[in-house]
PDB file of N, CA and C in Angstrom:
ATOM      1  N   UNK A   1      -9.045  -2.273   3.003  1.00  0.00           N
ATOM      2  CA  UNK A   1      -9.266  -0.915   3.486  1.00  0.00           C
ATOM      3  C   UNK A   1      -9.625  -0.967   4.963  1.00  0.00           C
ATOM      4  N   UNK A   2      -9.046  -0.093   5.741  1.00  0.00           N
ATOM      5  CA  UNK A   2      -9.367   0.011   7.159  1.00  0.00           C
ATOM      6  C   UNK A   2     -10.824   0.440   7.270  1.00  0.00           C
ATOM      7  N   UNK A   3     -11.641  -0.275   8.029  1.00  0.00           N
ATOM      8  CA  UNK A   3     -13.094  -0.063   7.969  1.00  0.00           C
ATOM      9  C   UNK A   3     -13.604   1.309   8.379  1.00  0.00           C
ATOM     10  N   UNK A   4     -12.891   2.030   9.240  1.00  0.00           N
ATOM     11  CA  UNK A   4     -13.436   3.300   9.711  1.00  0.00           C
ATOM     12  C   UNK A   4     -12.603   4.512   9.310  1.00  0.00           C
ATOM     13  N   UNK A   5     -11.454   4.314   8.715  1.00  0.00           N
ATOM     14  CA  UNK A   5     -10.563   5.424   8.383  1.00  0.00           C
ATOM     15  C   UNK A   5     -10.954   6.042   7.046  1.00  0.00           C
ATOM     16  N   UNK A   6     -10.989   7.372   7.016  1.00  0.00           N
ATOM     17  CA  UNK A   6     -11.306   8.085   5.781  1.00  0.00           C
ATOM     18  C   UNK A   6     -10.116   8.910   5.284  1.00  0.00           C
ATOM     19  N   UNK A   7      -8.946   8.702   5.881  1.00  0.00           N
ATOM     20  CA  UNK A   7      -7.768   9.490   5.532  1.00  0.00           C
ATOM     21  C   UNK A   7      -7.083   8.956   4.274  1.00  0.00           C
ATOM     22  N   UNK A   8      -6.580   9.899   3.470  1.00  0.00           N
ATOM     23  CA  UNK A   8      -5.748   9.559   2.312  1.00  0.00           C
ATOM     24  C   UNK A   8      -4.321  10.053   2.523  1.00  0.00           C
ATOM     25  N   UNK A   9      -3.943  10.283   3.768  1.00  0.00           N
ATOM     26  CA  UNK A   9      -2.590  10.711   4.116  1.00  0.00           C
ATOM     27  C   UNK A   9      -1.636   9.519   3.985  1.00  0.00           C
ATOM     28  N   UNK A  10      -0.327   9.778   3.911  1.00  0.00           N
ATOM     29  CA  UNK A  10       0.616   8.659   3.835  1.00  0.00           C
ATOM     30  C   UNK A  10       0.385   7.638   4.950  1.00  0.00           C
ATOM     31  N   UNK A  11       0.374   6.376   4.556  1.00  0.00           N
ATOM     32  CA  UNK A  11       0.141   5.302   5.518  1.00  0.00           C
ATOM     33  C   UNK A  11      -1.321   4.948   5.698  1.00  0.00           C
ATOM     34  N   UNK A  12      -2.190   5.559   4.888  1.00  0.00           N
ATOM     35  CA  UNK A  12      -3.618   5.289   5.029  1.00  0.00           C
ATOM     36  C   UNK A  12      -4.190   4.787   3.703  1.00  0.00           C
ATOM     37  N   UNK A  13      -5.366   5.214   3.336  1.00  0.00           N
ATOM     38  CA  UNK A  13      -6.046   4.696   2.151  1.00  0.00           C
ATOM     39  C   UNK A  13      -5.433   5.210   0.849  1.00  0.00           C
ATOM     40  N   UNK A  14      -5.532   4.388  -0.184  1.00  0.00           N
ATOM     41  CA  UNK A  14      -5.103   4.778  -1.521  1.00  0.00           C
ATOM     42  C   UNK A  14      -6.281   5.456  -2.210  1.00  0.00           C
ATOM     43  N   UNK A  15      -6.079   6.683  -2.686  1.00  0.00           N
ATOM     44  CA  UNK A  15      -7.121   7.395  -3.416  1.00  0.00           C
ATOM     45  C   UNK A  15      -7.115   6.924  -4.865  1.00  0.00           C
ATOM     46  N   UNK A  16      -8.280   6.881  -5.505  1.00  0.00           N
ATOM     47  CA  UNK A  16      -8.351   6.369  -6.872  1.00  0.00           C
ATOM     48  C   UNK A  16      -7.509   7.203  -7.848  1.00  0.00           C
ATOM     49  N   UNK A  17      -7.374   8.508  -7.602  1.00  0.00           N
ATOM     50  CA  UNK A  17      -6.530   9.348  -8.460  1.00  0.00           C
ATOM     51  C   UNK A  17      -5.068   8.933  -8.291  1.00  0.00           C
ATOM     52  N   UNK A  18      -4.672   8.702  -7.067  1.00  0.00           N
ATOM     53  CA  UNK A  18      -3.308   8.272  -6.767  1.00  0.00           C
ATOM     54  C   UNK A  18      -3.006   6.930  -7.450  1.00  0.00           C
ATOM     55  N   UNK A  19      -3.949   6.004  -7.393  1.00  0.00           N
ATOM     56  CA  UNK A  19      -3.759   4.701  -8.040  1.00  0.00           C
ATOM     57  C   UNK A  19      -3.608   4.866  -9.548  1.00  0.00           C
ATOM     58  N   UNK A  20      -4.399   5.743 -10.142  1.00  0.00           N
ATOM     59  CA  UNK A  20      -4.290   5.995 -11.575  1.00  0.00           C
ATOM     60  C   UNK A  20      -2.962   6.611 -11.949  1.00  0.00           C
ATOM     61  N   UNK A  21      -2.471   7.531 -11.113  1.00  0.00           N
ATOM     62  CA  UNK A  21      -1.177   8.165 -11.382  1.00  0.00           C
ATOM     63  C   UNK A  21      -0.024   7.166 -11.320  1.00  0.00           C
ATOM     64  N   UNK A  22      -0.184   6.125 -10.521  1.00  0.00           N
ATOM     65  CA  UNK A  22       0.858   5.102 -10.442  1.00  0.00           C
ATOM     66  C   UNK A  22       1.101   4.476 -11.809  1.00  0.00           C
ATOM     67  N   UNK A  23       0.069   4.436 -12.631  1.00  0.00           N
ATOM     68  CA  UNK A  23       0.208   3.856 -13.965  1.00  0.00           C
ATOM     69  C   UNK A  23       0.531   4.909 -15.028  1.00  0.00           C
ATOM     70  N   UNK A  24       0.010   6.131 -14.863  1.00  0.00           N
ATOM     71  CA  UNK A  24       0.229   7.165 -15.874  1.00  0.00           C
ATOM     72  C   UNK A  24       1.510   7.960 -15.656  1.00  0.00           C
ATOM     73  N   UNK A  25       1.839   8.226 -14.390  1.00  0.00           N
ATOM     74  CA  UNK A  25       3.036   9.015 -14.052  1.00  0.00           C
ATOM     75  C   UNK A  25       3.727   8.383 -12.844  1.00  0.00           C
ATOM     76  N   UNK A  26       4.324   7.214 -13.029  1.00  0.00           N
ATOM     77  CA  UNK A  26       4.849   6.478 -11.879  1.00  0.00           C
ATOM     78  C   UNK A  26       6.116   7.052 -11.258  1.00  0.00           C
ATOM     79  N   UNK A  27       6.774   7.990 -11.941  1.00  0.00           N
ATOM     80  CA  UNK A  27       8.068   8.447 -11.437  1.00  0.00           C
ATOM     81  C   UNK A  27       9.061   7.311 -11.564  1.00  0.00           C
ATOM     82  N   UNK A  28      10.027   7.270 -10.685  1.00  0.00           N
ATOM     83  CA  UNK A  28      10.979   6.168 -10.691  1.00  0.00           C
ATOM     84  C   UNK A  28      10.282   4.925 -10.140  1.00  0.00           C
ATOM     85  N   UNK A  29      10.449   3.809 -10.811  1.00  0.00           N
ATOM     86  CA  UNK A  29       9.857   2.548 -10.360  1.00  0.00           C
ATOM     87  C   UNK A  29      10.980   1.693  -9.800  1.00  0.00           C
ATOM     88  N   UNK A  30      10.831   1.292  -8.548  1.00  0.00           N
ATOM     89  CA  UNK A  30      11.872   0.509  -7.886  1.00  0.00           C
ATOM     90  C   UNK A  30      11.329  -0.865  -7.515  1.00  0.00           C
ATOM     91  N   UNK A  31      12.187  -1.861  -7.618  1.00  0.00           N
ATOM     92  CA  UNK A  31      11.852  -3.197  -7.132  1.00  0.00           C
ATOM     93  C   UNK A  31      12.147  -3.235  -5.643  1.00  0.00           C
ATOM     94  N   UNK A  32      11.328  -3.995  -4.904  1.00  0.00           N
ATOM     95  CA  UNK A  32      11.620  -4.181  -3.483  1.00  0.00           C
ATOM     96  C   UNK A  32      11.447  -5.646  -3.116  1.00  0.00           C
ATOM     97  N   UNK A  33      12.052  -6.026  -2.020  1.00  0.00           N
ATOM     98  CA  UNK A  33      11.938  -7.379  -1.499  1.00  0.00           C
ATOM     99  C   UNK A  33      11.370  -7.294  -0.097  1.00  0.00           C
ATOM    100  N   UNK A  34      10.188  -7.863   0.105  1.00  0.00           N
ATOM    101  CA  UNK A  34       9.560  -7.866   1.428  1.00  0.00           C
ATOM    102  C   UNK A  34      10.293  -8.864   2.317  1.00  0.00           C
ATOM    103  N   UNK A  35      10.763  -8.381   3.469  1.00  0.00           N
ATOM    104  CA  UNK A  35      11.533  -9.225   4.381  1.00  0.00           C
ATOM    105  C   UNK A  35      10.714  -9.719   5.559  1.00  0.00           C
ATOM    106  N   UNK A  36       9.826  -8.881   6.079  1.00  0.00           N
ATOM    107  CA  UNK A  36       9.047  -9.253   7.260  1.00  0.00           C
ATOM    108  C   UNK A  36       7.877  -8.296   7.410  1.00  0.00           C
ATOM    109  N   UNK A  37       6.906  -8.702   8.207  1.00  0.00           N
ATOM    110  CA  UNK A  37       5.828  -7.790   8.597  1.00  0.00           C
ATOM    111  C   UNK A  37       5.553  -8.005  10.071  1.00  0.00           C
ATOM    112  N   UNK A  38       5.198  -6.927  10.730  1.00  0.00           N
ATOM    113  CA  UNK A  38       4.897  -6.972  12.156  1.00  0.00           C
ATOM    114  C   UNK A  38       3.799  -5.964  12.429  1.00  0.00           C
ATOM    115  N   UNK A  39       2.573  -6.441  12.489  1.00  0.00           N
ATOM    116  CA  UNK A  39       1.441  -5.539  12.702  1.00  0.00           C
ATOM    117  C   UNK A  39       1.306  -4.574  11.539  1.00  0.00           C
ATOM    118  N   UNK A  40       1.480  -3.302  11.829  1.00  0.00           N
ATOM    119  CA  UNK A  40       1.326  -2.252  10.825  1.00  0.00           C
ATOM    120  C   UNK A  40       2.612  -1.944  10.062  1.00  0.00           C
ATOM    121  N   UNK A  41       3.657  -2.671  10.304  1.00  0.00           N
ATOM    122  CA  UNK A  41       4.967  -2.388   9.710  1.00  0.00           C
ATOM    123  C   UNK A  41       5.380  -3.448   8.710  1.00  0.00           C
ATOM    124  N   UNK A  42       5.886  -2.984   7.567  1.00  0.00           N
ATOM    125  CA  UNK A  42       6.476  -3.845   6.550  1.00  0.00           C
ATOM    126  C   UNK A  42       7.964  -3.534   6.504  1.00  0.00           C
ATOM    127  N   UNK A  43       8.795  -4.552   6.664  1.00  0.00           N
ATOM    128  CA  UNK A  43      10.241  -4.386   6.542  1.00  0.00           C
ATOM    129  C   UNK A  43      10.627  -4.888   5.159  1.00  0.00           C
ATOM    130  N   UNK A  44      11.410  -4.071   4.445  1.00  0.00           N
ATOM    131  CA  UNK A  44      11.745  -4.405   3.069  1.00  0.00           C
ATOM    132  C   UNK A  44      13.148  -3.969   2.733  1.00  0.00           C
ATOM    133  N   UNK A  45      13.663  -4.580   1.655  1.00  0.00           N
ATOM    134  CA  UNK A  45      14.949  -4.175   1.109  1.00  0.00           C
ATOM    135  C   UNK A  45      14.670  -3.510  -0.225  1.00  0.00           C
ATOM    136  N   UNK A  46      15.245  -2.309  -0.401  1.00  0.00           N
ATOM    137  CA  UNK A  46      15.097  -1.578  -1.658  1.00  0.00           C
ATOM    138  C   UNK A  46      16.372  -0.767  -1.861  1.00  0.00           C
ATOM    139  N   UNK A  47      16.911  -0.835  -3.038  1.00  0.00           N
ATOM    140  CA  UNK A  47      18.160  -0.116  -3.359  1.00  0.00           C
ATOM    141  C   UNK A  47      19.313  -0.511  -2.437  1.00  0.00           C
ATOM    142  N   UNK A  48      19.325  -1.778  -1.992  1.00  0.00           N
ATOM    143  CA  UNK A  48      20.409  -2.256  -1.144  1.00  0.00           C
ATOM    144  C   UNK A  48      20.333  -1.819   0.303  1.00  0.00           C
ATOM    145  N   UNK A  49      19.236  -1.188   0.693  1.00  0.00           N
ATOM    146  CA  UNK A  49      19.067  -0.727   2.079  1.00  0.00           C
ATOM    147  C   UNK A  49      17.798  -1.312   2.676  1.00  0.00           C
ATOM    148  N   UNK A  50      17.793  -1.461   3.989  1.00  0.00           N
ATOM    149  CA  UNK A  50      16.618  -1.956   4.717  1.00  0.00           C
ATOM    150  C   UNK A  50      15.760  -0.761   5.111  1.00  0.00           C
ATOM    151  N   UNK A  51      14.463  -0.862   4.862  1.00  0.00           N
ATOM    152  CA  UNK A  51      13.499   0.197   5.184  1.00  0.00           C
ATOM    153  C   UNK A  51      12.327  -0.408   5.950  1.00  0.00           C
ATOM    154  N   UNK A  52      11.623   0.462   6.668  1.00  0.00           N
ATOM    155  CA  UNK A  52      10.361   0.069   7.307  1.00  0.00           C
ATOM    156  C   UNK A  52       9.287   1.048   6.870  1.00  0.00           C
ATOM    157  N   UNK A  53       8.157   0.496   6.431  1.00  0.00           N
ATOM    158  CA  UNK A  53       7.029   1.322   6.006  1.00  0.00           C
ATOM    159  C   UNK A  53       5.829   0.982   6.879  1.00  0.00           C
ATOM    160  N   UNK A  54       5.072   1.997   7.251  1.00  0.00           N
ATOM    161  CA  UNK A  54       3.905   1.836   8.120  1.00  0.00           C
ATOM    162  C   UNK A  54       2.632   2.003   7.297  1.00  0.00           C
ATOM    163  N   UNK A  55       1.601   1.230   7.652  1.00  0.00           N
ATOM    164  CA  UNK A  55       0.263   1.416   7.097  1.00  0.00           C
ATOM    165  C   UNK A  55      -0.743   1.141   8.192  1.00  0.00           C
ATOM    166  N   UNK A  56      -1.842   1.898   8.182  1.00  0.00           N
ATOM    167  CA  UNK A  56      -2.845   1.802   9.245  1.00  0.00           C
ATOM    168  C   UNK A  56      -3.565   0.459   9.272  1.00  0.00           C
ATOM    169  N   UNK A  57      -3.469  -0.305   8.193  1.00  0.00           N
ATOM    170  CA  UNK A  57      -4.226  -1.554   8.078  1.00  0.00           C
ATOM    171  C   UNK A  57      -3.275  -2.755   8.136  1.00  0.00           C
ATOM    172  N   UNK A  58      -3.179  -3.418   9.292  1.00  0.00           N
ATOM    173  CA  UNK A  58      -2.256  -4.547   9.398  1.00  0.00           C
ATOM    174  C   UNK A  58      -2.601  -5.693   8.436  1.00  0.00           C
ATOM    175  N   UNK A  59      -3.864  -5.830   8.076  1.00  0.00           N
ATOM    176  CA  UNK A  59      -4.238  -6.861   7.103  1.00  0.00           C
ATOM    177  C   UNK A  59      -3.654  -6.536   5.728  1.00  0.00           C
ATOM    178  N   UNK A  60      -3.644  -5.260   5.350  1.00  0.00           N
ATOM    179  CA  UNK A  60      -3.063  -4.842   4.071  1.00  0.00           C
ATOM    180  C   UNK A  60      -1.556  -5.087   4.082  1.00  0.00           C
ATOM    181  N   UNK A  61      -0.905  -4.779   5.190  1.00  0.00           N
ATOM    182  CA  UNK A  61       0.543  -5.015   5.313  1.00  0.00           C
ATOM    183  C   UNK A  61       0.829  -6.503   5.132  1.00  0.00           C
ATOM    184  N   UNK A  62       0.055  -7.342   5.817  1.00  0.00           N
ATOM    185  CA  UNK A  62       0.250  -8.790   5.703  1.00  0.00           C
ATOM    186  C   UNK A  62      -0.011  -9.277   4.282  1.00  0.00           C
ATOM    187  N   UNK A  63      -1.063  -8.761   3.636  1.00  0.00           N
ATOM    188  CA  UNK A  63      -1.381  -9.172   2.262  1.00  0.00           C
ATOM    189  C   UNK A  63      -0.269  -8.789   1.293  1.00  0.00           C
ATOM    190  N   UNK A  64       0.279  -7.580   1.436  1.00  0.00           N
ATOM    191  CA  UNK A  64       1.385  -7.139   0.585  1.00  0.00           C
ATOM    192  C   UNK A  64       2.590  -8.058   0.803  1.00  0.00           C
ATOM    193  N   UNK A  65       2.892  -8.330   2.063  1.00  0.00           N
ATOM    194  CA  UNK A  65       4.019  -9.215   2.383  1.00  0.00           C
ATOM    195  C   UNK A  65       3.804 -10.606   1.780  1.00  0.00           C
ATOM    196  N   UNK A  66       2.640 -11.190   2.028  1.00  0.00           N
ATOM    197  CA  UNK A  66       2.363 -12.547   1.536  1.00  0.00           C
ATOM    198  C   UNK A  66       2.434 -12.617   0.015  1.00  0.00           C
ATOM    199  N   UNK A  67       1.888 -11.613  -0.669  1.00  0.00           N
ATOM    200  CA  UNK A  67       1.912 -11.609  -2.132  1.00  0.00           C
ATOM    201  C   UNK A  67       3.344 -11.453  -2.645  1.00  0.00           C
ATOM    202  N   UNK A  68       4.139 -10.617  -1.987  1.00  0.00           N
ATOM    203  CA  UNK A  68       5.530 -10.429  -2.404  1.00  0.00           C
ATOM    204  C   UNK A  68       6.337 -11.713  -2.208  1.00  0.00           C
ATOM    205  N   UNK A  69       6.114 -12.396  -1.100  1.00  0.00           N
ATOM    206  CA  UNK A  69       6.807 -13.661  -0.848  1.00  0.00           C
ATOM    207  C   UNK A  69       6.368 -14.711  -1.865  1.00  0.00           C
ATOM    208  N   UNK A  70       5.094 -14.733  -2.196  1.00  0.00           N
ATOM    209  CA  UNK A  70       4.599 -15.687  -3.194  1.00  0.00           C
ATOM    210  C   UNK A  70       5.246 -15.439  -4.553  1.00  0.00           C
ATOM    211  N   UNK A  71       5.426 -14.171  -4.927  1.00  0.00           N
ATOM    212  CA  UNK A  71       6.095 -13.870  -6.196  1.00  0.00           C
ATOM    213  C   UNK A  71       7.550 -14.330  -6.179  1.00  0.00           C
ATOM    214  N   UNK A  72       8.190 -14.155  -5.042  1.00  0.00           N
ATOM    215  CA  UNK A  72       9.589 -14.586  -4.912  1.00  0.00           C
ATOM    216  C   UNK A  72       9.687 -16.107  -5.057  1.00  0.00           C
ATOM    217  N   UNK A  73       8.673 -16.813  -4.585  1.00  0.00           N
ATOM    218  CA  UNK A  73       8.668 -18.279  -4.653  1.00  0.00           C
ATOM    219  C   UNK A  73       8.366 -18.795  -6.058  1.00  0.00           C
ATOM    220  N   UNK A  74       7.826 -17.930  -6.921  1.00  0.00           N
ATOM    221  CA  UNK A  74       7.499 -18.338  -8.300  1.00  0.00           C
ATOM    222  C   UNK A  74       8.121 -17.341  -9.274  1.00  0.00           C
ATOM    223  N   UNK A  75       9.446 -17.343  -9.397  1.00  0.00           N
ATOM    224  CA  UNK A  75      10.129 -16.334 -10.207  1.00  0.00           C
ATOM    225  C   UNK A  75       9.818 -16.417 -11.696  1.00  0.00           C
ATOM    226  N   UNK A  76       9.327 -17.536 -12.180  1.00  0.00           N
ATOM    227  CA  UNK A  76       9.052 -17.692 -13.608  1.00  0.00           C
ATOM    228  C   UNK A  76       7.892 -16.834 -14.103  1.00  0.00           C
ATOM    229  N   UNK A  77       7.167 -16.178 -13.202  1.00  0.00           N
ATOM    230  CA  UNK A  77       6.024 -15.360 -13.621  1.00  0.00           C
ATOM    231  C   UNK A  77       6.457 -14.047 -14.256  1.00  0.00           C
ATOM    232  N   UNK A  78       7.665 -13.596 -13.972  1.00  0.00           N
ATOM    233  CA  UNK A  78       8.126 -12.307 -14.485  1.00  0.00           C
ATOM    234  C   UNK A  78       7.592 -11.126 -13.698  1.00  0.00           C
ATOM    235  N   UNK A  79       6.781 -11.362 -12.677  1.00  0.00           N
ATOM    236  CA  UNK A  79       6.223 -10.302 -11.842  1.00  0.00           C
ATOM    237  C   UNK A  79       7.137 -10.058 -10.646  1.00  0.00           C
ATOM    238  N   UNK A  80       7.314  -8.793 -10.274  1.00  0.00           N
ATOM    239  CA  UNK A  80       8.100  -8.438  -9.097  1.00  0.00           C
ATOM    240  C   UNK A  80       7.362  -7.355  -8.320  1.00  0.00           C
ATOM    241  N   UNK A  81       7.536  -7.315  -6.996  1.00  0.00           N
ATOM    242  CA  UNK A  81       6.949  -6.228  -6.215  1.00  0.00           C
ATOM    243  C   UNK A  81       7.586  -4.897  -6.605  1.00  0.00           C
ATOM    244  N   UNK A  82       6.756  -3.859  -6.763  1.00  0.00           N
ATOM    245  CA  UNK A  82       7.242  -2.561  -7.210  1.00  0.00           C
ATOM    246  C   UNK A  82       6.859  -1.451  -6.240  1.00  0.00           C
ATOM    247  N   UNK A  83       7.657  -0.384  -6.265  1.00  0.00           N
ATOM    248  CA  UNK A  83       7.366   0.823  -5.503  1.00  0.00           C
ATOM    249  C   UNK A  83       7.406   1.992  -6.478  1.00  0.00           C
ATOM    250  N   UNK A  84       6.300   2.754  -6.551  1.00  0.00           N
ATOM    251  CA  UNK A  84       6.186   3.903  -7.448  1.00  0.00           C
ATOM    252  C   UNK A  84       6.499   5.161  -6.646  1.00  0.00           C
ATOM    253  N   UNK A  85       7.651   5.782  -6.948  1.00  0.00           N
ATOM    254  CA  UNK A  85       8.132   6.893  -6.129  1.00  0.00           C
ATOM    255  C   UNK A  85       7.247   8.131  -6.208  1.00  0.00           C
ATOM    256  N   UNK A  86       6.614   8.390  -7.353  1.00  0.00           N
ATOM    257  CA  UNK A  86       5.844   9.627  -7.499  1.00  0.00           C
ATOM    258  C   UNK A  86       4.626   9.666  -6.585  1.00  0.00           C
ATOM    259  N   UNK A  87       4.053   8.507  -6.294  1.00  0.00           N
ATOM    260  CA  UNK A  87       2.830   8.466  -5.482  1.00  0.00           C
ATOM    261  C   UNK A  87       3.005   7.627  -4.214  1.00  0.00           C
ATOM    262  N   UNK A  88       4.214   7.190  -3.950  1.00  0.00           N
ATOM    263  CA  UNK A  88       4.564   6.418  -2.743  1.00  0.00           C
ATOM    264  C   UNK A  88       3.679   5.188  -2.546  1.00  0.00           C
ATOM    265  N   UNK A  89       3.478   4.441  -3.620  1.00  0.00           N
ATOM    266  CA  UNK A  89       2.652   3.238  -3.546  1.00  0.00           C
ATOM    267  C   UNK A  89       3.480   1.979  -3.766  1.00  0.00           C
ATOM    268  N   UNK A  90       3.224   0.994  -2.926  1.00  0.00           N
ATOM    269  CA  UNK A  90       3.718  -0.351  -3.175  1.00  0.00           C
ATOM    270  C   UNK A  90       2.668  -1.051  -4.015  1.00  0.00           C
ATOM    271  N   UNK A  91       3.117  -1.831  -4.982  1.00  0.00           N
ATOM    272  CA  UNK A  91       2.211  -2.582  -5.835  1.00  0.00           C
ATOM    273  C   UNK A  91       2.745  -3.999  -5.987  1.00  0.00           C
ATOM    274  N   UNK A  92       1.895  -4.979  -5.667  1.00  0.00           N
ATOM    275  CA  UNK A  92       2.286  -6.375  -5.773  1.00  0.00           C
ATOM    276  C   UNK A  92       1.165  -7.126  -6.472  1.00  0.00           C
ATOM    277  N   UNK A  93       1.527  -7.851  -7.513  1.00  0.00           N
ATOM    278  CA  UNK A  93       0.553  -8.651  -8.260  1.00  0.00           C
ATOM    279  C   UNK A  93       0.118  -9.824  -7.396  1.00  0.00           C
ATOM    280  N   UNK A  94      -1.190 -10.023  -7.324  1.00  0.00           N
ATOM    281  CA  UNK A  94      -1.754 -11.143  -6.574  1.00  0.00           C
ATOM    282  C   UNK A  94      -2.928 -11.682  -7.371  1.00  0.00           C
ATOM    283  N   UNK A  95      -2.734 -12.835  -7.978  1.00  0.00           N
ATOM    284  CA  UNK A  95      -3.789 -13.379  -8.829  1.00  0.00           C
ATOM    285  C   UNK A  95      -3.994 -12.491 -10.036  1.00  0.00           C
ATOM    286  N   UNK A  96      -5.227 -12.036 -10.233  1.00  0.00           N
ATOM    287  CA  UNK A  96      -5.544 -11.187 -11.380  1.00  0.00           C
ATOM    288  C   UNK A  96      -5.528  -9.695 -11.058  1.00  0.00           C
ATOM    289  N   UNK A  97      -5.175  -9.346  -9.851  1.00  0.00           N
ATOM    290  CA  UNK A  97      -5.208  -7.930  -9.484  1.00  0.00           C
ATOM    291  C   UNK A  97      -3.881  -7.503  -8.855  1.00  0.00           C
ATOM    292  N   UNK A  98      -3.742  -6.200  -8.687  1.00  0.00           N
ATOM    293  CA  UNK A  98      -2.587  -5.634  -7.995  1.00  0.00           C
ATOM    294  C   UNK A  98      -3.032  -5.151  -6.630  1.00  0.00           C
ATOM    295  N   UNK A  99      -2.305  -5.560  -5.606  1.00  0.00           N
ATOM    296  CA  UNK A  99      -2.527  -5.023  -4.271  1.00  0.00           C
ATOM    297  C   UNK A  99      -1.729  -3.737  -4.156  1.00  0.00           C
ATOM    298  N   UNK A 100      -2.351  -2.701  -3.630  1.00  0.00           N
ATOM    299  CA  UNK A 100      -1.679  -1.418  -3.447  1.00  0.00           C
ATOM    300  C   UNK A 100      -1.613  -1.073  -1.968  1.00  0.00           C
ATOM    301  N   UNK A 101      -0.529  -0.453  -1.561  1.00  0.00           N
ATOM    302  CA  UNK A 101      -0.399   0.022  -0.186  1.00  0.00           C
ATOM    303  C   UNK A 101       0.323   1.360  -0.222  1.00  0.00           C
ATOM    304  N   UNK A 102      -0.265   2.351   0.456  1.00  0.00           N
ATOM    305  CA  UNK A 102       0.316   3.689   0.564  1.00  0.00           C
ATOM    306  C   UNK A 102       1.290   3.677   1.735  1.00  0.00           C
ATOM    307  N   UNK A 103       2.547   3.975   1.449  1.00  0.00           N
ATOM    308  CA  UNK A 103       3.594   3.903   2.459  1.00  0.00           C
ATOM    309  C   UNK A 103       3.601   5.121   3.363  1.00  0.00           C
ATOM    310  N   UNK A 104       3.676   4.870   4.645  1.00  0.00           N
ATOM    311  CA  UNK A 104       3.932   5.913   5.625  1.00  0.00           C
ATOM    312  C   UNK A 104       5.351   5.716   6.142  1.00  0.00           C
ATOM    313  N   UNK A 105       6.281   6.513   5.643  1.00  0.00           N
ATOM    314  CA  UNK A 105       7.689   6.327   6.006  1.00  0.00           C
ATOM    315  C   UNK A 105       8.021   6.910   7.371  1.00  0.00           C
ATOM    316  N   UNK A 106       7.175   7.790   7.889  1.00  0.00           N
ATOM    317  CA  UNK A 106       7.458   8.447   9.161  1.00  0.00           C
ATOM    318  C   UNK A 106       6.758   7.795  10.340  1.00  0.00           C
ATOM    319  N   UNK A 107       6.151   6.647  10.116  1.00  0.00           N
ATOM    320  CA  UNK A 107       5.525   5.934  11.223  1.00  0.00           C
ATOM    321  C   UNK A 107       4.045   6.247  11.375  1.00  0.00           C
ATOM    322  N   UNK A 108       3.547   5.907  12.527  1.00  0.00           N
ATOM    323  CA  UNK A 108       2.124   5.959  12.842  1.00  0.00           C
ATOM    324  C   UNK A 108       1.551   7.365  12.775  1.00  0.00           C
ATOM    325  N   UNK A 109       0.403   7.484  12.134  1.00  0.00           N
ATOM    326  CA  UNK A 109      -0.417   8.694  12.197  1.00  0.00           C
ATOM    327  C   UNK A 109      -1.848   8.244  12.438  1.00  0.00           C
ATOM    328  N   UNK A 110      -2.590   9.076  13.111  1.00  0.00           N
ATOM    329  CA  UNK A 110      -3.960   8.718  13.472  1.00  0.00           C
ATOM    330  C   UNK A 110      -4.872   8.652  12.256  1.00  0.00           C
ATOM    331  N   UNK A 111      -5.812   7.737  12.310  1.00  0.00           N
ATOM    332  CA  UNK A 111      -6.834   7.642  11.270  1.00  0.00           C
ATOM    333  C   UNK A 111      -7.832   8.785  11.426  1.00  0.00           C
ATOM    334  N   UNK A 112      -8.387   9.213  10.300  1.00  0.00           N
ATOM    335  CA  UNK A 112      -9.468  10.205  10.308  1.00  0.00           C
ATOM    336  C   UNK A 112     -10.779   9.470  10.199  1.00  0.00           C
ATOM    337  N   UNK A 113     -11.769  10.019  10.851  1.00  0.00           N
ATOM    338  CA  UNK A 113     -13.096   9.425  10.772  1.00  0.00           C
ATOM    339  C   UNK A 113     -14.111  10.529  10.553  1.00  0.00           C
ATOM    340  N   UNK A 114     -14.371  10.825   9.275  1.00  0.00           N
ATOM    341  CA  UNK A 114     -15.333  11.852   8.920  1.00  0.00           C
ATOM    342  C   UNK A 114     -16.680  11.204   8.672  1.00  0.00           C
ATOM    343  N   UNK A 115     -17.701  11.802   9.241  1.00  0.00           N
ATOM    344  CA  UNK A 115     -19.039  11.311   8.972  1.00  0.00           C
ATOM    345  C   UNK A 115     -19.469  11.791   7.598  1.00  0.00           C
ATOM    346  N   UNK A 116     -20.052  10.908   6.852  1.00  0.00           N
ATOM    347  CA  UNK A 116     -20.554  11.295   5.542  1.00  0.00           C
ATOM    348  C   UNK A 116     -22.068  11.312   5.569  1.00  0.00           C
ATOM    349  N   UNK A 117     -22.619  12.264   4.876  1.00  0.00           N
ATOM    350  CA  UNK A 117     -24.068  12.382   4.787  1.00  0.00           C
ATOM    351  C   UNK A 117     -24.472  12.171   3.341  1.00  0.00           C
ATOM    352  N   UNK A 118     -25.440  11.328   3.139  1.00  0.00           N
ATOM    353  CA  UNK A 118     -25.966  11.120   1.793  1.00  0.00           C
ATOM    354  C   UNK A 118     -27.419  11.544   1.786  1.00  0.00           C
ATOM    355  N   UNK A 119     -27.980  11.585   0.608  1.00  0.00           N
ATOM    356  CA  UNK A 119     -29.394  12.003   0.521  1.00  0.00           C
ATOM    357  C   UNK A 119     -30.292  10.973   1.209  1.00  0.00           C
ATOM    358  N   UNK A 120     -29.788   9.765   1.459  1.00  0.00           N
ATOM    359  CA  UNK A 120     -30.615   8.739   2.096  1.00  0.00           C
ATOM    360  C   UNK A 120     -30.717   8.910   3.602  1.00  0.00           C
ATOM    361  N   UNK A 121     -29.709   9.532   4.238  1.00  0.00           N
ATOM    362  CA  UNK A 121     -29.762   9.641   5.688  1.00  0.00           C
ATOM    363  C   UNK A 121     -29.762  11.087   6.182  1.00  0.00           C
ATOM    364  N   UNK A 122     -30.074  12.045   5.320  1.00  0.00           N
ATOM    365  CA  UNK A 122     -30.130  13.453   5.721  1.00  0.00           C
ATOM    366  C   UNK A 122     -31.449  13.732   6.430  1.00  0.00           C
ATOM    367  N   UNK A 123     -31.385  14.677   7.336  1.00  0.00           N
ATOM    368  CA  UNK A 123     -32.611  15.168   7.972  1.00  0.00           C
ATOM    369  C   UNK A 123     -33.357  16.039   6.965  1.00  0.00           C
ATOM    370  N   UNK A 124     -34.681  15.976   6.926  1.00  0.00           N
ATOM    371  CA  UNK A 124     -35.442  16.814   5.976  1.00  0.00           C
ATOM    372  C   UNK A 124     -35.376  18.283   6.322  1.00  0.00           C
TER     373      UNK A 124
END
């Protein structure tokens, strides 16, 4: 997760409801092949076409790429990188968990930074 961004817009953080919908109402599920990553951009092949997806967190992009390449290197696992069309999430199995990335197909958008107030830091 990007340390200061509070946005759940495309290309930013995955909301827990969105992650749940990926499993309950995934829409069309497509396989993809990660080809490269460059900073905030993931280059992939899906449906026979080359695409580029943006995410605000370059570490997340790299992790998705690395996990997808690792799956390709070990085909006997039966796991493949997936894209859930209904919620625009990439999902790649890594160890015992799934890495998720919210795709921003239109490129860079600014991160939001909303201050949150809790009962611990409120003024009396």
